[in-house]
Structure formats: C-alpha cells, structure tokens
C-alpha cells in the first residue's frame, strides 16, 4: 500500500511553546508522534518528517493508518 499525500499532509497538529523556549508540535491522530524546533516554522517542518516516518513504519508493519482527523460525536 502506498501512502497518499493526504495521509501525510492533512493532519491536525497542536503547536505550543515549552519551558526551554522551543516549540513543540504533536499530532493527536498519531499517538506519540511529537517533534520540536527552535522556531514555529522549524517545528512544523520537523513534524512533517516525523509524520512521514511514523506512517511509513505503520505501513511496513501492516498496521492500519489512523484517520487524519479525529471526530467526536
């Protein structure tokens, strides 16, 4: 199975500053997928790489790729 661009690109993230003046970014739809950077831009670039690698590992293991957006009913 090939990853689609939307599986990588269309993820909701949470971006916030930490106590060391770095920016932390998390992906709620991918538990444990977290990255950081010295700037917001760097953190967002880093999380794109982290998302790609996270999904690649799931694919290699034959695991289900979680939906990009969480829905609360």
PDB file of N, CA and C in Angstrom:
ATOM      1  N   UNK A   1       0.838  -1.177   0.000  1.00  0.00           N
ATOM      2  CA  UNK A   1       0.000   0.000   0.000  1.00  0.00           C
ATOM      3  C   UNK A   1       0.885   1.243   0.000  1.00  0.00           C
ATOM      4  N   UNK A   2       0.564   2.185  -0.854  1.00  0.00           N
ATOM      5  CA  UNK A   2       1.299   3.445  -0.918  1.00  0.00           C
ATOM      6  C   UNK A   2       0.592   4.489  -0.076  1.00  0.00           C
ATOM      7  N   UNK A   3       1.366   5.310   0.611  1.00  0.00           N
ATOM      8  CA  UNK A   3       0.789   6.399   1.377  1.00  0.00           C
ATOM      9  C   UNK A   3       0.341   7.491   0.417  1.00  0.00           C
ATOM     10  N   UNK A   4      -0.830   8.039   0.667  1.00  0.00           N
ATOM     11  CA  UNK A   4      -1.299   9.148  -0.157  1.00  0.00           C
ATOM     12  C   UNK A   4      -0.800  10.457   0.441  1.00  0.00           C
ATOM     13  N   UNK A   5      -0.768  11.477  -0.385  1.00  0.00           N
ATOM     14  CA  UNK A   5      -0.323  12.783   0.089  1.00  0.00           C
ATOM     15  C   UNK A   5      -1.212  13.285   1.216  1.00  0.00           C
ATOM     16  N   UNK A   6      -2.517  13.004   1.116  1.00  0.00           N
ATOM     17  CA  UNK A   6      -3.431  13.484   2.161  1.00  0.00           C
ATOM     18  C   UNK A   6      -3.170  12.800   3.499  1.00  0.00           C
ATOM     19  N   UNK A   7      -2.697  11.554   3.482  1.00  0.00           N
ATOM     20  CA  UNK A   7      -2.387  10.874   4.742  1.00  0.00           C
ATOM     21  C   UNK A   7      -1.239  11.562   5.460  1.00  0.00           C
ATOM     22  N   UNK A   8      -0.320  12.143   4.715  1.00  0.00           N
ATOM     23  CA  UNK A   8       0.834  12.812   5.305  1.00  0.00           C
ATOM     24  C   UNK A   8       0.533  14.291   5.549  1.00  0.00           C
ATOM     25  N   UNK A   9      -0.051  14.962   4.565  1.00  0.00           N
ATOM     26  CA  UNK A   9      -0.200  16.418   4.603  1.00  0.00           C
ATOM     27  C   UNK A   9      -1.383  16.914   5.427  1.00  0.00           C
ATOM     28  N   UNK A  10      -2.462  16.184   5.505  1.00  0.00           N
ATOM     29  CA  UNK A  10      -3.694  16.685   6.095  1.00  0.00           C
ATOM     30  C   UNK A  10      -3.878  16.208   7.533  1.00  0.00           C
ATOM     31  N   UNK A  11      -2.962  16.522   8.388  1.00  0.00           N
ATOM     32  CA  UNK A  11      -3.041  16.133   9.800  1.00  0.00           C
ATOM     33  C   UNK A  11      -3.198  17.369  10.674  1.00  0.00           C
ATOM     34  N   UNK A  12      -4.101  17.285  11.630  1.00  0.00           N
ATOM     35  CA  UNK A  12      -4.249  18.351  12.615  1.00  0.00           C
ATOM     36  C   UNK A  12      -3.109  18.225  13.617  1.00  0.00           C
ATOM     37  N   UNK A  13      -2.487  19.355  13.948  1.00  0.00           N
ATOM     38  CA  UNK A  13      -1.400  19.350  14.927  1.00  0.00           C
ATOM     39  C   UNK A  13      -1.690  20.356  16.031  1.00  0.00           C
ATOM     40  N   UNK A  14      -1.037  20.138  17.157  1.00  0.00           N
ATOM     41  CA  UNK A  14      -1.092  21.068  18.280  1.00  0.00           C
ATOM     42  C   UNK A  14       0.316  21.620  18.454  1.00  0.00           C
ATOM     43  N   UNK A  15       0.442  22.927  18.409  1.00  0.00           N
ATOM     44  CA  UNK A  15       1.739  23.605  18.480  1.00  0.00           C
ATOM     45  C   UNK A  15       1.753  24.499  19.716  1.00  0.00           C
ATOM     46  N   UNK A  16       2.782  24.346  20.550  1.00  0.00           N
ATOM     47  CA  UNK A  16       2.852  25.152  21.768  1.00  0.00           C
ATOM     48  C   UNK A  16       4.305  25.323  22.204  1.00  0.00           C
ATOM     49  N   UNK A  17       4.603  26.424  22.919  1.00  0.00           N
ATOM     50  CA  UNK A  17       5.968  26.640  23.416  1.00  0.00           C
ATOM     51  C   UNK A  17       6.207  25.814  24.675  1.00  0.00           C
ATOM     52  N   UNK A  18       7.452  25.363  24.837  1.00  0.00           N
ATOM     53  CA  UNK A  18       7.783  24.654  26.078  1.00  0.00           C
ATOM     54  C   UNK A  18       8.597  25.573  26.992  1.00  0.00           C
ATOM     55  N   UNK A  19       8.972  25.061  28.138  1.00  0.00           N
ATOM     56  CA  UNK A  19       9.679  25.880  29.129  1.00  0.00           C
ATOM     57  C   UNK A  19      11.100  26.251  28.728  1.00  0.00           C
ATOM     58  N   UNK A  20      11.660  25.602  27.690  1.00  0.00           N
ATOM     59  CA  UNK A  20      13.015  25.896  27.226  1.00  0.00           C
ATOM     60  C   UNK A  20      13.019  26.779  25.981  1.00  0.00           C
ATOM     61  N   UNK A  21      11.881  27.426  25.697  1.00  0.00           N
ATOM     62  CA  UNK A  21      11.729  28.311  24.543  1.00  0.00           C
ATOM     63  C   UNK A  21      11.827  27.603  23.202  1.00  0.00           C
ATOM     64  N   UNK A  22      11.541  26.329  23.187  1.00  0.00           N
ATOM     65  CA  UNK A  22      11.390  25.585  21.938  1.00  0.00           C
ATOM     66  C   UNK A  22       9.906  25.479  21.647  1.00  0.00           C
ATOM     67  N   UNK A  23       9.574  25.178  20.408  1.00  0.00           N
ATOM     68  CA  UNK A  23       8.187  24.920  20.021  1.00  0.00           C
ATOM     69  C   UNK A  23       7.989  23.423  19.896  1.00  0.00           C
ATOM     70  N   UNK A  24       6.952  22.928  20.538  1.00  0.00           N
ATOM     71  CA  UNK A  24       6.624  21.507  20.496  1.00  0.00           C
ATOM     72  C   UNK A  24       5.389  21.356  19.622  1.00  0.00           C
ATOM     73  N   UNK A  25       5.374  20.296  18.828  1.00  0.00           N
ATOM     74  CA  UNK A  25       4.220  20.034  17.980  1.00  0.00           C
ATOM     75  C   UNK A  25       3.853  18.561  18.091  1.00  0.00           C
ATOM     76  N   UNK A  26       2.564  18.295  18.307  1.00  0.00           N
ATOM     77  CA  UNK A  26       2.045  16.934  18.463  1.00  0.00           C
ATOM     78  C   UNK A  26       0.953  16.686  17.432  1.00  0.00           C
ATOM     79  N   UNK A  27       0.776  15.408  17.088  1.00  0.00           N
ATOM     80  CA  UNK A  27      -0.253  15.004  16.135  1.00  0.00           C
ATOM     81  C   UNK A  27      -1.249  14.119  16.883  1.00  0.00           C
ATOM     82  N   UNK A  28      -2.415  14.657  17.253  1.00  0.00           N
ATOM     83  CA  UNK A  28      -3.373  13.877  18.040  1.00  0.00           C
ATOM     84  C   UNK A  28      -3.814  12.570  17.378  1.00  0.00           C
ATOM     85  N   UNK A  29      -3.886  12.541  16.053  1.00  0.00           N
ATOM     86  CA  UNK A  29      -4.342  11.326  15.370  1.00  0.00           C
ATOM     87  C   UNK A  29      -3.259  10.258  15.277  1.00  0.00           C
ATOM     88  N   UNK A  30      -2.021  10.608  15.675  1.00  0.00           N
ATOM     89  CA  UNK A  30      -0.907   9.651  15.661  1.00  0.00           C
ATOM     90  C   UNK A  30      -0.250   9.652  17.045  1.00  0.00           C
ATOM     91  N   UNK A  31      -0.761   8.861  17.968  1.00  0.00           N
ATOM     92  CA  UNK A  31      -0.246   8.860  19.342  1.00  0.00           C
ATOM     93  C   UNK A  31       1.275   8.683  19.394  1.00  0.00           C
ATOM     94  N   UNK A  32       1.920   9.595  20.122  1.00  0.00           N
ATOM     95  CA  UNK A  32       3.368   9.533  20.274  1.00  0.00           C
ATOM     96  C   UNK A  32       4.143  10.234  19.178  1.00  0.00           C
ATOM     97  N   UNK A  33       3.458  10.773  18.178  1.00  0.00           N
ATOM     98  CA  UNK A  33       4.128  11.493  17.092  1.00  0.00           C
ATOM     99  C   UNK A  33       4.292  12.945  17.528  1.00  0.00           C
ATOM    100  N   UNK A  34       5.505  13.259  17.975  1.00  0.00           N
ATOM    101  CA  UNK A  34       5.821  14.571  18.552  1.00  0.00           C
ATOM    102  C   UNK A  34       7.161  15.027  17.994  1.00  0.00           C
ATOM    103  N   UNK A  35       7.298  16.322  17.783  1.00  0.00           N
ATOM    104  CA  UNK A  35       8.575  16.880  17.366  1.00  0.00           C
ATOM    105  C   UNK A  35       8.710  18.264  17.986  1.00  0.00           C
ATOM    106  N   UNK A  36       9.816  18.931  17.676  1.00  0.00           N
ATOM    107  CA  UNK A  36      10.051  20.263  18.221  1.00  0.00           C
ATOM    108  C   UNK A  36      10.984  21.032  17.305  1.00  0.00           C
ATOM    109  N   UNK A  37      11.135  22.316  17.582  1.00  0.00           N
ATOM    110  CA  UNK A  37      12.057  23.153  16.836  1.00  0.00           C
ATOM    111  C   UNK A  37      12.290  24.450  17.580  1.00  0.00           C
ATOM    112  N   UNK A  38      13.334  25.159  17.195  1.00  0.00           N
ATOM    113  CA  UNK A  38      13.635  26.443  17.830  1.00  0.00           C
ATOM    114  C   UNK A  38      12.642  27.518  17.418  1.00  0.00           C
ATOM    115  N   UNK A  39      12.023  27.363  16.238  1.00  0.00           N
ATOM    116  CA  UNK A  39      11.007  28.287  15.753  1.00  0.00           C
ATOM    117  C   UNK A  39       9.754  27.484  15.406  1.00  0.00           C
ATOM    118  N   UNK A  40       8.640  28.195  15.240  1.00  0.00           N
ATOM    119  CA  UNK A  40       7.413  27.522  14.823  1.00  0.00           C
ATOM    120  C   UNK A  40       7.616  26.837  13.479  1.00  0.00           C
ATOM    121  N   UNK A  41       8.264  27.542  12.560  1.00  0.00           N
ATOM    122  CA  UNK A  41       8.483  27.003  11.226  1.00  0.00           C
ATOM    123  C   UNK A  41       9.325  25.727  11.261  1.00  0.00           C
ATOM    124  N   UNK A  42      10.374  25.748  12.068  1.00  0.00           N
ATOM    125  CA  UNK A  42      11.227  24.564  12.187  1.00  0.00           C
ATOM    126  C   UNK A  42      10.456  23.396  12.793  1.00  0.00           C
ATOM    127  N   UNK A  43       9.654  23.676  13.810  1.00  0.00           N
ATOM    128  CA  UNK A  43       8.856  22.619  14.445  1.00  0.00           C
ATOM    129  C   UNK A  43       7.873  22.014  13.445  1.00  0.00           C
ATOM    130  N   UNK A  44       7.230  22.852  12.639  1.00  0.00           N
ATOM    131  CA  UNK A  44       6.272  22.355  11.650  1.00  0.00           C
ATOM    132  C   UNK A  44       6.962  21.567  10.539  1.00  0.00           C
ATOM    133  N   UNK A  45       8.139  21.981  10.139  1.00  0.00           N
ATOM    134  CA  UNK A  45       8.910  21.211   9.158  1.00  0.00           C
ATOM    135  C   UNK A  45       9.310  19.861   9.739  1.00  0.00           C
ATOM    136  N   UNK A  46       9.764  19.874  10.989  1.00  0.00           N
ATOM    137  CA  UNK A  46      10.184  18.630  11.641  1.00  0.00           C
ATOM    138  C   UNK A  46       9.027  17.650  11.809  1.00  0.00           C
ATOM    139  N   UNK A  47       7.831  18.164  12.111  1.00  0.00           N
ATOM    140  CA  UNK A  47       6.703  17.248  12.317  1.00  0.00           C
ATOM    141  C   UNK A  47       6.289  16.616  10.999  1.00  0.00           C
ATOM    142  N   UNK A  48       6.463  17.296   9.898  1.00  0.00           N
ATOM    143  CA  UNK A  48       6.150  16.682   8.600  1.00  0.00           C
ATOM    144  C   UNK A  48       7.026  15.444   8.382  1.00  0.00           C
ATOM    145  N   UNK A  49       8.304  15.568   8.718  1.00  0.00           N
ATOM    146  CA  UNK A  49       9.203  14.413   8.614  1.00  0.00           C
ATOM    147  C   UNK A  49       8.785  13.309   9.574  1.00  0.00           C
ATOM    148  N   UNK A  50       8.420  13.698  10.798  1.00  0.00           N
ATOM    149  CA  UNK A  50       8.010  12.710  11.802  1.00  0.00           C
ATOM    150  C   UNK A  50       6.741  11.980  11.367  1.00  0.00           C
ATOM    151  N   UNK A  51       5.791  12.713  10.796  1.00  0.00           N
ATOM    152  CA  UNK A  51       4.555  12.094  10.310  1.00  0.00           C
ATOM    153  C   UNK A  51       4.871  11.082   9.216  1.00  0.00           C
ATOM    154  N   UNK A  52       5.697  11.475   8.266  1.00  0.00           N
ATOM    155  CA  UNK A  52       6.055  10.572   7.166  1.00  0.00           C
ATOM    156  C   UNK A  52       6.695   9.289   7.681  1.00  0.00           C
ATOM    157  N   UNK A  53       7.631   9.429   8.609  1.00  0.00           N
ATOM    158  CA  UNK A  53       8.307   8.252   9.161  1.00  0.00           C
ATOM    159  C   UNK A  53       7.353   7.391   9.985  1.00  0.00           C
ATOM    160  N   UNK A  54       6.497   8.017  10.768  1.00  0.00           N
ATOM    161  CA  UNK A  54       5.515   7.304  11.589  1.00  0.00           C
ATOM    162  C   UNK A  54       4.617   6.452  10.692  1.00  0.00           C
ATOM    163  N   UNK A  55       4.088   7.071   9.630  1.00  0.00           N
ATOM    164  CA  UNK A  55       3.194   6.349   8.722  1.00  0.00           C
ATOM    165  C   UNK A  55       3.932   5.264   7.951  1.00  0.00           C
ATOM    166  N   UNK A  56       5.181   5.526   7.602  1.00  0.00           N
ATOM    167  CA  UNK A  56       5.994   4.522   6.900  1.00  0.00           C
ATOM    168  C   UNK A  56       6.176   3.273   7.757  1.00  0.00           C
ATOM    169  N   UNK A  57       6.438   3.464   9.040  1.00  0.00           N
ATOM    170  CA  UNK A  57       6.609   2.333   9.954  1.00  0.00           C
ATOM    171  C   UNK A  57       5.297   1.551  10.089  1.00  0.00           C
ATOM    172  N   UNK A  58       4.180   2.265  10.227  1.00  0.00           N
ATOM    173  CA  UNK A  58       2.889   1.569  10.301  1.00  0.00           C
ATOM    174  C   UNK A  58       2.657   0.736   9.051  1.00  0.00           C
ATOM    175  N   UNK A  59       2.952   1.317   7.903  1.00  0.00           N
ATOM    176  CA  UNK A  59       2.766   0.617   6.635  1.00  0.00           C
ATOM    177  C   UNK A  59       3.659  -0.626   6.557  1.00  0.00           C
ATOM    178  N   UNK A  60       4.934  -0.487   6.949  1.00  0.00           N
ATOM    179  CA  UNK A  60       5.870  -1.628   6.920  1.00  0.00           C
ATOM    180  C   UNK A  60       5.395  -2.754   7.825  1.00  0.00           C
ATOM    181  N   UNK A  61       4.759  -2.405   8.934  1.00  0.00           N
ATOM    182  CA  UNK A  61       4.279  -3.411   9.889  1.00  0.00           C
ATOM    183  C   UNK A  61       2.896  -3.950   9.530  1.00  0.00           C
ATOM    184  N   UNK A  62       2.312  -3.411   8.475  1.00  0.00           N
ATOM    185  CA  UNK A  62       0.986  -3.854   8.058  1.00  0.00           C
ATOM    186  C   UNK A  62      -0.122  -3.377   8.977  1.00  0.00           C
ATOM    187  N   UNK A  63       0.134  -2.303   9.703  1.00  0.00           N
ATOM    188  CA  UNK A  63      -0.858  -1.776  10.632  1.00  0.00           C
ATOM    189  C   UNK A  63      -1.750  -0.747   9.934  1.00  0.00           C
ATOM    190  N   UNK A  64      -2.894  -0.520  10.519  1.00  0.00           N
ATOM    191  CA  UNK A  64      -3.862   0.422   9.968  1.00  0.00           C
ATOM    192  C   UNK A  64      -3.349   1.850  10.134  1.00  0.00           C
ATOM    193  N   UNK A  65      -3.503   2.657   9.076  1.00  0.00           N
ATOM    194  CA  UNK A  65      -3.152   4.073   9.140  1.00  0.00           C
ATOM    195  C   UNK A  65      -4.351   4.805   9.745  1.00  0.00           C
ATOM    196  N   UNK A  66      -4.175   5.477  10.904  1.00  0.00           N
ATOM    197  CA  UNK A  66      -5.291   6.188  11.529  1.00  0.00           C
ATOM    198  C   UNK A  66      -5.830   7.297  10.625  1.00  0.00           C
ATOM    199  N   UNK A  67      -7.108   7.588  10.765  1.00  0.00           N
ATOM    200  CA  UNK A  67      -7.700   8.698  10.043  1.00  0.00           C
ATOM    201  C   UNK A  67      -6.983   9.985  10.405  1.00  0.00           C
ATOM    202  N   UNK A  68      -6.945  10.885   9.434  1.00  0.00           N
ATOM    203  CA  UNK A  68      -6.208  12.141   9.633  1.00  0.00           C
ATOM    204  C   UNK A  68      -6.844  13.054  10.672  1.00  0.00           C
ATOM    205  N   UNK A  69      -8.155  13.082  10.745  1.00  0.00           N
ATOM    206  CA  UNK A  69      -8.818  13.981  11.674  1.00  0.00           C
ATOM    207  C   UNK A  69      -9.668  13.187  12.656  1.00  0.00           C
ATOM    208  N   UNK A  70      -9.627  13.615  13.882  1.00  0.00           N
ATOM    209  CA  UNK A  70     -10.411  12.985  14.925  1.00  0.00           C
ATOM    210  C   UNK A  70     -11.813  13.569  14.906  1.00  0.00           C
ATOM    211  N   UNK A  71     -12.787  12.747  15.137  1.00  0.00           N
ATOM    212  CA  UNK A  71     -14.167  13.193  15.169  1.00  0.00           C
ATOM    213  C   UNK A  71     -14.778  12.791  16.497  1.00  0.00           C
ATOM    214  N   UNK A  72     -15.357  13.756  17.174  1.00  0.00           N
ATOM    215  CA  UNK A  72     -16.012  13.476  18.451  1.00  0.00           C
ATOM    216  C   UNK A  72     -17.495  13.634  18.239  1.00  0.00           C
ATOM    217  N   UNK A  73     -18.218  12.554  18.460  1.00  0.00           N
ATOM    218  CA  UNK A  73     -19.686  12.586  18.264  1.00  0.00           C
ATOM    219  C   UNK A  73     -20.404  12.990  19.516  1.00  0.00           C
TER     220      UNK A  73
END
